[in-house]
PDB file of N, CA and C in Angstrom:
ATOM      1  N   MET A   1      27.787  -4.321   3.076  1.00  0.00           N
ATOM      2  CA  MET A   1      27.190  -3.169   3.196  1.00  0.00           C
ATOM      3  C   MET A   1      26.062  -3.398   4.037  1.00  0.00           C
ATOM      4  N   SER A   2      25.960  -2.399   4.730  1.00  0.00           N
ATOM      5  CA  SER A   2      24.716  -2.094   6.092  1.00  0.00           C
ATOM      6  C   SER A   2      23.299  -2.130   5.189  1.00  0.00           C
ATOM      7  N   ASN A   3      22.269  -2.492   5.837  1.00  0.00           N
ATOM      8  CA  ASN A   3      21.030  -2.445   5.395  1.00  0.00           C
ATOM      9  C   ASN A   3      20.233  -1.004   5.904  1.00  0.00           C
ATOM     10  N   VAL A   4      19.562  -0.451   5.311  1.00  0.00           N
ATOM     11  CA  VAL A   4      18.664   0.553   6.342  1.00  0.00           C
ATOM     12  C   VAL A   4      17.568   0.132   5.868  1.00  0.00           C
ATOM     13  N   PHE A   5      16.140   0.568   7.114  1.00  0.00           N
ATOM     14  CA  PHE A   5      15.114   0.052   7.058  1.00  0.00           C
ATOM     15  C   PHE A   5      13.760   0.930   7.218  1.00  0.00           C
ATOM     16  N   ILE A   6      12.798   0.450   6.958  1.00  0.00           N
ATOM     17  CA  ILE A   6      11.518   1.667   7.238  1.00  0.00           C
ATOM     18  C   ILE A   6      10.454   0.685   7.678  1.00  0.00           C
ATOM     19  N   ALA A   7      10.110   1.077   8.805  1.00  0.00           N
ATOM     20  CA  ALA A   7       8.929  -0.114   8.851  1.00  0.00           C
ATOM     21  C   ALA A   7       7.485   1.135   9.013  1.00  0.00           C
ATOM     22  N   LEU A   8       6.601   0.296   8.211  1.00  0.00           N
ATOM     23  CA  LEU A   8       5.241   1.385   8.758  1.00  0.00           C
ATOM     24  C   LEU A   8       3.885   0.526   9.101  1.00  0.00           C
ATOM     25  N   GLN A   9       3.049   0.947   9.377  1.00  0.00           N
ATOM     26  CA  GLN A   9       1.875   0.169  10.053  1.00  0.00           C
ATOM     27  C   GLN A   9       1.612  -0.651   8.856  1.00  0.00           C
ATOM     28  N   ALA A  10       0.876  -1.489   8.756  1.00  0.00           N
ATOM     29  CA  ALA A  10       0.355  -2.440   7.555  1.00  0.00           C
ATOM     30  C   ALA A  10      -0.923  -2.404   7.728  1.00  0.00           C
ATOM     31  N   ASN A  11      -1.521  -1.095   6.606  1.00  0.00           N
ATOM     32  CA  ASN A  11      -2.489  -0.473   6.345  1.00  0.00           C
ATOM     33  C   ASN A  11      -2.928  -0.201   5.203  1.00  0.00           C
ATOM     34  N   GLU A  12      -4.202   0.505   4.723  1.00  0.00           N
ATOM     35  CA  GLU A  12      -4.408   0.543   3.109  1.00  0.00           C
ATOM     36  C   GLU A  12      -3.598   1.980   2.846  1.00  0.00           C
ATOM     37  N   ASP A  13      -3.344   2.512   3.662  1.00  0.00           N
ATOM     38  CA  ASP A  13      -2.567   4.019   3.550  1.00  0.00           C
ATOM     39  C   ASP A  13      -1.354   3.651   3.132  1.00  0.00           C
ATOM     40  N   SER A  14      -0.774   2.961   3.934  1.00  0.00           N
ATOM     41  CA  SER A  14       0.752   2.408   3.389  1.00  0.00           C
ATOM     42  C   SER A  14       1.394   1.714   2.433  1.00  0.00           C
ATOM     43  N   ARG A  15       0.254   1.047   2.030  1.00  0.00           N
ATOM     44  CA  ARG A  15       0.457   0.015   0.844  1.00  0.00           C
ATOM     45  C   ARG A  15       0.892   0.824  -0.548  1.00  0.00           C
ATOM     46  N   PRO A  16       0.406   1.840  -0.914  1.00  0.00           N
ATOM     47  CA  PRO A  16       1.007   2.427  -1.731  1.00  0.00           C
ATOM     48  C   PRO A  16       2.568   2.918  -1.614  1.00  0.00           C
ATOM     49  N   ILE A  17       2.798   3.507  -1.044  1.00  0.00           N
ATOM     50  CA  ILE A  17       3.959   3.561  -0.449  1.00  0.00           C
ATOM     51  C   ILE A  17       4.765   2.607  -0.143  1.00  0.00           C
ATOM     52  N   VAL A  18       4.785   1.304   0.183  1.00  0.00           N
ATOM     53  CA  VAL A  18       5.175   0.087   0.107  1.00  0.00           C
ATOM     54  C   VAL A  18       5.765  -0.310  -1.153  1.00  0.00           C
ATOM     55  N   ASP A  19       4.790   0.013  -1.762  1.00  0.00           N
ATOM     56  CA  ASP A  19       4.573  -0.718  -3.633  1.00  0.00           C
ATOM     57  C   ASP A  19       5.444   0.321  -4.271  1.00  0.00           C
ATOM     58  N   ALA A  20       5.396   1.531  -4.032  1.00  0.00           N
ATOM     59  CA  ALA A  20       6.825   2.753  -4.719  1.00  0.00           C
ATOM     60  C   ALA A  20       8.168   1.964  -3.959  1.00  0.00           C
ATOM     61  N   ILE A  21       8.391   1.657  -2.659  1.00  0.00           N
ATOM     62  CA  ILE A  21       9.547   1.593  -2.358  1.00  0.00           C
ATOM     63  C   ILE A  21      10.272   0.536  -3.091  1.00  0.00           C
ATOM     64  N   LEU A  22       9.329  -0.532  -3.078  1.00  0.00           N
ATOM     65  CA  LEU A  22       9.376  -1.993  -3.815  1.00  0.00           C
ATOM     66  C   LEU A  22       9.864  -1.836  -5.154  1.00  0.00           C
ATOM     67  N   ALA A  23       9.292  -0.724  -6.162  1.00  0.00           N
ATOM     68  CA  ALA A  23       9.688  -0.768  -7.529  1.00  0.00           C
ATOM     69  C   ALA A  23      10.844   0.170  -7.835  1.00  0.00           C
ATOM     70  N   ASP A  24      10.824   1.213  -6.670  1.00  0.00           N
ATOM     71  CA  ASP A  24      12.115   1.729  -7.062  1.00  0.00           C
ATOM     72  C   ASP A  24      13.339   1.517  -6.453  1.00  0.00           C
ATOM     73  N   ASN A  25      13.681   0.650  -5.800  1.00  0.00           N
ATOM     74  CA  ASN A  25      14.658   0.292  -4.854  1.00  0.00           C
ATOM     75  C   ASN A  25      14.860  -1.640  -4.845  1.00  0.00           C
ATOM     76  N   PRO A  26      15.550  -1.943  -6.257  1.00  0.00           N
ATOM     77  CA  PRO A  26      16.064  -3.147  -6.633  1.00  0.00           C
ATOM     78  C   PRO A  26      16.804  -3.618  -4.941  1.00  0.00           C
ATOM     79  N   GLY A  27      16.489  -4.915  -4.927  1.00  0.00           N
ATOM     80  CA  GLY A  27      17.327  -5.400  -3.825  1.00  0.00           C
ATOM     81  C   GLY A  27      16.254  -5.187  -2.388  1.00  0.00           C
ATOM     82  N   ALA A  28      14.902  -4.656  -2.508  1.00  0.00           N
ATOM     83  CA  ALA A  28      14.704  -3.824  -1.448  1.00  0.00           C
ATOM     84  C   ALA A  28      13.649  -5.660  -0.908  1.00  0.00           C
ATOM     85  N   VAL A  29      13.775  -6.063   0.300  1.00  0.00           N
ATOM     86  CA  VAL A  29      13.495  -7.238   0.789  1.00  0.00           C
ATOM     87  C   VAL A  29      12.514  -6.694   1.615  1.00  0.00           C
ATOM     88  N   LEU A  30      10.659  -7.193   1.555  1.00  0.00           N
ATOM     89  CA  LEU A  30       9.550  -7.225   2.723  1.00  0.00           C
ATOM     90  C   LEU A  30       9.497  -8.497   3.478  1.00  0.00           C
ATOM     91  N   ASN A  31       9.114  -7.485   4.363  1.00  0.00           N
ATOM     92  CA  ASN A  31       8.651  -8.342   5.427  1.00  0.00           C
ATOM     93  C   ASN A  31       7.057  -8.040   6.339  1.00  0.00           C
ATOM     94  N   GLU A  32       6.420  -8.768   5.977  1.00  0.00           N
ATOM     95  CA  GLU A  32       5.463  -8.326   6.298  1.00  0.00           C
ATOM     96  C   GLU A  32       4.925  -8.802   7.778  1.00  0.00           C
ATOM     97  N   GLN A  33       4.525  -8.529   8.698  1.00  0.00           N
ATOM     98  CA  GLN A  33       3.812  -8.900   9.851  1.00  0.00           C
ATOM     99  C   GLN A  33       2.206  -8.246  10.410  1.00  0.00           C
ATOM    100  N   PRO A  34       1.898  -8.770  10.781  1.00  0.00           N
ATOM    101  CA  PRO A  34       0.312  -8.479  11.692  1.00  0.00           C
ATOM    102  C   PRO A  34      -0.205  -7.325  11.825  1.00  0.00           C
ATOM    103  N   ALA A  35       0.821  -6.448  12.011  1.00  0.00           N
ATOM    104  CA  ALA A  35       0.504  -4.949  11.958  1.00  0.00           C
ATOM    105  C   ALA A  35       1.781  -4.167  11.567  1.00  0.00           C
ATOM    106  N   MET A  36       2.592  -4.725  11.071  1.00  0.00           N
ATOM    107  CA  MET A  36       3.466  -3.859  10.410  1.00  0.00           C
ATOM    108  C   MET A  36       4.218  -4.367   8.733  1.00  0.00           C
ATOM    109  N   VAL A  37       4.472  -3.318   8.499  1.00  0.00           N
ATOM    110  CA  VAL A  37       5.397  -3.703   7.124  1.00  0.00           C
ATOM    111  C   VAL A  37       6.729  -3.205   7.039  1.00  0.00           C
ATOM    112  N   LYS A  38       7.771  -4.104   7.039  1.00  0.00           N
ATOM    113  CA  LYS A  38       9.600  -3.566   7.010  1.00  0.00           C
ATOM    114  C   LYS A  38      10.002  -3.971   5.878  1.00  0.00           C
ATOM    115  N   ILE A  39      10.839  -2.907   5.421  1.00  0.00           N
ATOM    116  CA  ILE A  39      11.574  -3.156   4.314  1.00  0.00           C
ATOM    117  C   ILE A  39      13.237  -2.587   4.276  1.00  0.00           C
ATOM    118  N   ASP A  40      13.858  -3.770   4.379  1.00  0.00           N
ATOM    119  CA  ASP A  40      15.049  -3.656   4.411  1.00  0.00           C
ATOM    120  C   ASP A  40      15.862  -3.409   2.686  1.00  0.00           C
ATOM    121  N   VAL A  41      16.360  -2.488   2.867  1.00  0.00           N
ATOM    122  CA  VAL A  41      17.462  -2.162   1.427  1.00  0.00           C
ATOM    123  C   VAL A  41      18.971  -2.182   1.579  1.00  0.00           C
ATOM    124  N   PRO A  42      19.943  -2.961   0.859  1.00  0.00           N
ATOM    125  CA  PRO A  42      21.217  -2.664   1.164  1.00  0.00           C
ATOM    126  C   PRO A  42      21.653  -1.341   0.966  1.00  0.00           C
ATOM    127  N   GLY A  43      22.387  -0.392   1.651  1.00  0.00           N
ATOM    128  CA  GLY A  43      23.071   0.548   1.363  1.00  0.00           C
ATOM    129  C   GLY A  43      22.118   1.877   1.495  1.00  0.00           C
ATOM    130  N   ARG A  44      21.017   1.978   0.336  1.00  0.00           N
ATOM    131  CA  ARG A  44      20.341   3.010   0.146  1.00  0.00           C
ATOM    132  C   ARG A  44      19.050   2.738  -0.223  1.00  0.00           C
ATOM    133  N   MET A  45      17.906   3.546   0.511  1.00  0.00           N
ATOM    134  CA  MET A  45      16.338   3.445   0.071  1.00  0.00           C
ATOM    135  C   MET A  45      16.013   5.002  -0.563  1.00  0.00           C
ATOM    136  N   THR A  46      15.314   5.282  -1.736  1.00  0.00           N
ATOM    137  CA  THR A  46      14.909   5.980  -2.072  1.00  0.00           C
ATOM    138  C   THR A  46      13.232   5.829  -2.049  1.00  0.00           C
ATOM    139  N   ILE A  47      12.650   6.652  -1.341  1.00  0.00           N
ATOM    140  CA  ILE A  47      11.109   7.085  -1.323  1.00  0.00           C
ATOM    141  C   ILE A  47      10.587   8.407  -2.234  1.00  0.00           C
ATOM    142  N   ARG A  48      10.408   7.841  -3.633  1.00  0.00           N
ATOM    143  CA  ARG A  48       9.881   8.906  -4.658  1.00  0.00           C
ATOM    144  C   ARG A  48       8.471   9.484  -4.564  1.00  0.00           C
ATOM    145  N   ARG A  49       8.225  10.889  -4.235  1.00  0.00           N
ATOM    146  CA  ARG A  49       7.166  10.957  -4.532  1.00  0.00           C
ATOM    147  C   ARG A  49       5.957  10.983  -5.688  1.00  0.00           C
ATOM    148  N   SER A  50       6.613  11.156  -6.755  1.00  0.00           N
ATOM    149  CA  SER A  50       6.201  10.806  -7.973  1.00  0.00           C
ATOM    150  C   SER A  50       5.771   9.531  -8.053  1.00  0.00           C
ATOM    151  N   SER A  51       6.653   8.404  -7.715  1.00  0.00           N
ATOM    152  CA  SER A  51       5.894   6.800  -7.516  1.00  0.00           C
ATOM    153  C   SER A  51       4.993   6.614  -6.722  1.00  0.00           C
ATOM    154  N   VAL A  52       4.890   7.089  -5.562  1.00  0.00           N
ATOM    155  CA  VAL A  52       3.490   7.170  -4.693  1.00  0.00           C
ATOM    156  C   VAL A  52       2.335   8.000  -5.321  1.00  0.00           C
ATOM    157  N   GLU A  53       2.657   9.470  -5.791  1.00  0.00           N
ATOM    158  CA  GLU A  53       1.488   9.696  -6.432  1.00  0.00           C
ATOM    159  C   GLU A  53       0.757   9.155  -7.643  1.00  0.00           C
ATOM    160  N   ALA A  54       1.719   8.371  -8.371  1.00  0.00           N
ATOM    161  CA  ALA A  54       1.441   7.430  -9.606  1.00  0.00           C
ATOM    162  C   ALA A  54       0.324   6.336  -8.910  1.00  0.00           C
ATOM    163  N   ARG A  55       0.779   5.941  -7.805  1.00  0.00           N
ATOM    164  CA  ARG A  55       0.142   4.623  -7.440  1.00  0.00           C
ATOM    165  C   ARG A  55      -1.413   5.364  -6.222  1.00  0.00           C
ATOM    166  N   ILE A  56      -1.688   6.381  -6.205  1.00  0.00           N
ATOM    167  CA  ILE A  56      -2.719   6.896  -5.265  1.00  0.00           C
ATOM    168  C   ILE A  56      -3.355   8.091  -6.175  1.00  0.00           C
ATOM    169  N   GLY A  57      -2.721   8.166  -7.456  1.00  0.00           N
ATOM    170  CA  GLY A  57      -3.891   8.867  -8.349  1.00  0.00           C
ATOM    171  C   GLY A  57      -3.896  10.400  -7.905  1.00  0.00           C
ATOM    172  N   ARG A  58      -3.243  10.772  -6.807  1.00  0.00           N
ATOM    173  CA  ARG A  58      -3.389  12.203  -5.786  1.00  0.00           C
ATOM    174  C   ARG A  58      -1.798  12.761  -6.155  1.00  0.00           C
ATOM    175  N   GLU A  59      -2.153  14.062  -5.715  1.00  0.00           N
ATOM    176  CA  GLU A  59      -1.008  14.527  -4.904  1.00  0.00           C
ATOM    177  C   GLU A  59      -0.458  14.264  -3.876  1.00  0.00           C
ATOM    178  N   PHE A  60       0.810  13.859  -3.444  1.00  0.00           N
ATOM    179  CA  PHE A  60       1.404  13.298  -2.040  1.00  0.00           C
ATOM    180  C   PHE A  60       2.500  14.012  -1.399  1.00  0.00           C
ATOM    181  N   ASP A  61       2.174  14.643  -0.182  1.00  0.00           N
ATOM    182  CA  ASP A  61       3.199  15.106   0.264  1.00  0.00           C
ATOM    183  C   ASP A  61       4.148  14.281   1.305  1.00  0.00           C
ATOM    184  N   LEU A  62       5.332  13.914   1.000  1.00  0.00           N
ATOM    185  CA  LEU A  62       6.154  12.648   1.715  1.00  0.00           C
ATOM    186  C   LEU A  62       6.135  12.757   3.321  1.00  0.00           C
ATOM    187  N   GLN A  63       5.615  14.287   3.702  1.00  0.00           N
ATOM    188  CA  GLN A  63       5.388  14.182   5.418  1.00  0.00           C
ATOM    189  C   GLN A  63       3.938  13.256   5.318  1.00  0.00           C
ATOM    190  N   GLU A  64       3.088  13.356   4.750  1.00  0.00           N
ATOM    191  CA  GLU A  64       2.074  12.170   4.970  1.00  0.00           C
ATOM    192  C   GLU A  64       2.604  10.711   5.548  1.00  0.00           C
ATOM    193  N   MET A  65       3.642  10.514   4.708  1.00  0.00           N
ATOM    194  CA  MET A  65       3.901   9.158   5.288  1.00  0.00           C
ATOM    195  C   MET A  65       4.469   8.820   6.811  1.00  0.00           C
ATOM    196  N   GLN A  66       4.681  10.042   7.448  1.00  0.00           N
ATOM    197  CA  GLN A  66       4.727   9.948   8.766  1.00  0.00           C
ATOM    198  C   GLN A  66       4.338   9.584  10.273  1.00  0.00           C
ATOM    199  N   VAL A  67       2.606   9.746   9.547  1.00  0.00           N
ATOM    200  CA  VAL A  67       0.982   9.514   9.995  1.00  0.00           C
ATOM    201  C   VAL A  67       1.290   7.656  10.293  1.00  0.00           C
ATOM    202  N   ASN A  68       1.790   7.121   9.110  1.00  0.00           N
ATOM    203  CA  ASN A  68       1.921   5.627   9.517  1.00  0.00           C
ATOM    204  C   ASN A  68       3.421   4.986   9.772  1.00  0.00           C
ATOM    205  N   LEU A  69       4.461   5.885   9.655  1.00  0.00           N
ATOM    206  CA  LEU A  69       5.920   5.352  10.110  1.00  0.00           C
ATOM    207  C   LEU A  69       6.102   4.766  11.494  1.00  0.00           C
ATOM    208  N   ILE A  70       6.515   3.770  11.686  1.00  0.00           N
ATOM    209  CA  ILE A  70       6.853   2.938  13.145  1.00  0.00           C
ATOM    210  C   ILE A  70       8.524   3.376  13.324  1.00  0.00           C
ATOM    211  N   SER A  71       9.070   2.971  12.583  1.00  0.00           N
ATOM    212  CA  SER A  71      10.635   3.149  12.794  1.00  0.00           C
ATOM    213  C   SER A  71      11.565   3.475  11.473  1.00  0.00           C
ATOM    214  N   LEU A  72      12.462   3.635  11.456  1.00  0.00           N
ATOM    215  CA  LEU A  72      13.690   3.797  10.182  1.00  0.00           C
ATOM    216  C   LEU A  72      14.833   3.575  10.864  1.00  0.00           C
ATOM    217  N   SER A  73      15.849   3.200   9.944  1.00  0.00           N
ATOM    218  CA  SER A  73      17.269   3.321  10.511  1.00  0.00           C
ATOM    219  C   SER A  73      17.979   3.929   9.233  1.00  0.00           C
ATOM    220  N   GLY A  74      19.029   4.708   9.424  1.00  0.00           N
ATOM    221  CA  GLY A  74      19.875   5.101   8.156  1.00  0.00           C
ATOM    222  C   GLY A  74      19.667   6.776   8.670  1.00  0.00           C
ATOM    223  N   HIS A  75      20.738   7.160   7.775  1.00  0.00           N
ATOM    224  CA  HIS A  75      20.842   8.408   7.705  1.00  0.00           C
ATOM    225  C   HIS A  75      19.549   8.878   6.636  1.00  0.00           C
ATOM    226  N   VAL A  76      18.680   9.986   7.167  1.00  0.00           N
ATOM    227  CA  VAL A  76      17.666  10.842   6.562  1.00  0.00           C
ATOM    228  C   VAL A  76      18.328  11.918   5.643  1.00  0.00           C
ATOM    229  N   ASP A  77      17.627  11.885   4.409  1.00  0.00           N
ATOM    230  CA  ASP A  77      18.101  13.033   3.592  1.00  0.00           C
ATOM    231  C   ASP A  77      16.730  13.539   2.727  1.00  0.00           C
ATOM    232  N   GLU A  78      15.764  14.502   3.033  1.00  0.00           N
ATOM    233  CA  GLU A  78      14.643  14.639   2.716  1.00  0.00           C
ATOM    234  C   GLU A  78      14.329  15.708   1.595  1.00  0.00           C
ATOM    235  N   THR A  79      13.810  15.933   0.985  1.00  0.00           N
ATOM    236  CA  THR A  79      13.641  16.910  -0.080  1.00  0.00           C
ATOM    237  C   THR A  79      11.974  17.158  -0.236  1.00  0.00           C
ATOM    238  N   ASP A  80      11.563  17.788  -0.779  1.00  0.00           N
ATOM    239  CA  ASP A  80       9.934  17.932  -1.291  1.00  0.00           C
ATOM    240  C   ASP A  80       9.631  16.307  -2.386  1.00  0.00           C
ATOM    241  N   GLU A  81      11.013  16.325  -3.047  1.00  0.00           N
ATOM    242  CA  GLU A  81      10.726  15.234  -3.972  1.00  0.00           C
ATOM    243  C   GLU A  81      11.384  13.590  -3.505  1.00  0.00           C
ATOM    244  N   GLU A  82      12.177  13.770  -2.818  1.00  0.00           N
ATOM    245  CA  GLU A  82      12.520  12.369  -2.451  1.00  0.00           C
ATOM    246  C   GLU A  82      12.816  12.127  -0.787  1.00  0.00           C
ATOM    247  N   PHE A  83      12.493  11.197  -0.159  1.00  0.00           N
ATOM    248  CA  PHE A  83      12.909  10.858   1.097  1.00  0.00           C
ATOM    249  C   PHE A  83      13.992   9.659   0.839  1.00  0.00           C
ATOM    250  N   THR A  84      15.416   9.846   1.539  1.00  0.00           N
ATOM    251  CA  THR A  84      16.300   8.927   1.215  1.00  0.00           C
ATOM    252  C   THR A  84      17.283   8.319   2.751  1.00  0.00           C
ATOM    253  N   LEU A  85      17.058   6.866   2.639  1.00  0.00           N
ATOM    254  CA  LEU A  85      17.676   6.524   3.361  1.00  0.00           C
ATOM    255  C   LEU A  85      18.882   5.971   3.514  1.00  0.00           C
ATOM    256  N   SER A  86      20.508   6.265   3.794  1.00  0.00           N
ATOM    257  CA  SER A  86      21.436   5.606   3.631  1.00  0.00           C
ATOM    258  C   SER A  86      22.090   5.519   4.696  1.00  0.00           C
ATOM    259  N   CYS A  87      22.979   4.624   4.393  1.00  0.00           N
ATOM    260  CA  CYS A  87      23.984   4.383   5.728  1.00  0.00           C
ATOM    261  C   CYS A  87      25.400   5.245   5.881  1.00  0.00           C
ATOM    262  N   GLU A  88      25.406   6.135   6.848  1.00  0.00           N
ATOM    263  CA  GLU A  88      26.826   6.576   6.752  1.00  0.00           C
ATOM    264  C   GLU A  88      28.129   5.835   7.124  1.00  0.00           C
ATOM    265  N   ARG A  89      29.000   6.845   6.662  1.00  0.00           N
ATOM    266  CA  ARG A  89      30.420   6.165   6.343  1.00  0.00           C
ATOM    267  C   ARG A  89      31.242   6.955   7.451  1.00  0.00           C
TER     268      ARG A  89
END
């Protein structure tokens, strides 16, 4: 099975997003670099708005994530509630 990944800037704004991804995606592997955080997940990764909101204590629009987005890999499926990356077949 192929991995999908997301890479975000390593800063305080990204930390709750990273924490939400790790909590919601079993098998997620975190790779921290000096200026970047990359998370690999086999097959499928879902970022849930509610999970990020629980960590930051306010409403969160998933498009806010794009300010700190460096790169991603996978087929994107985006709603107001979830941002999903998956392997295309």
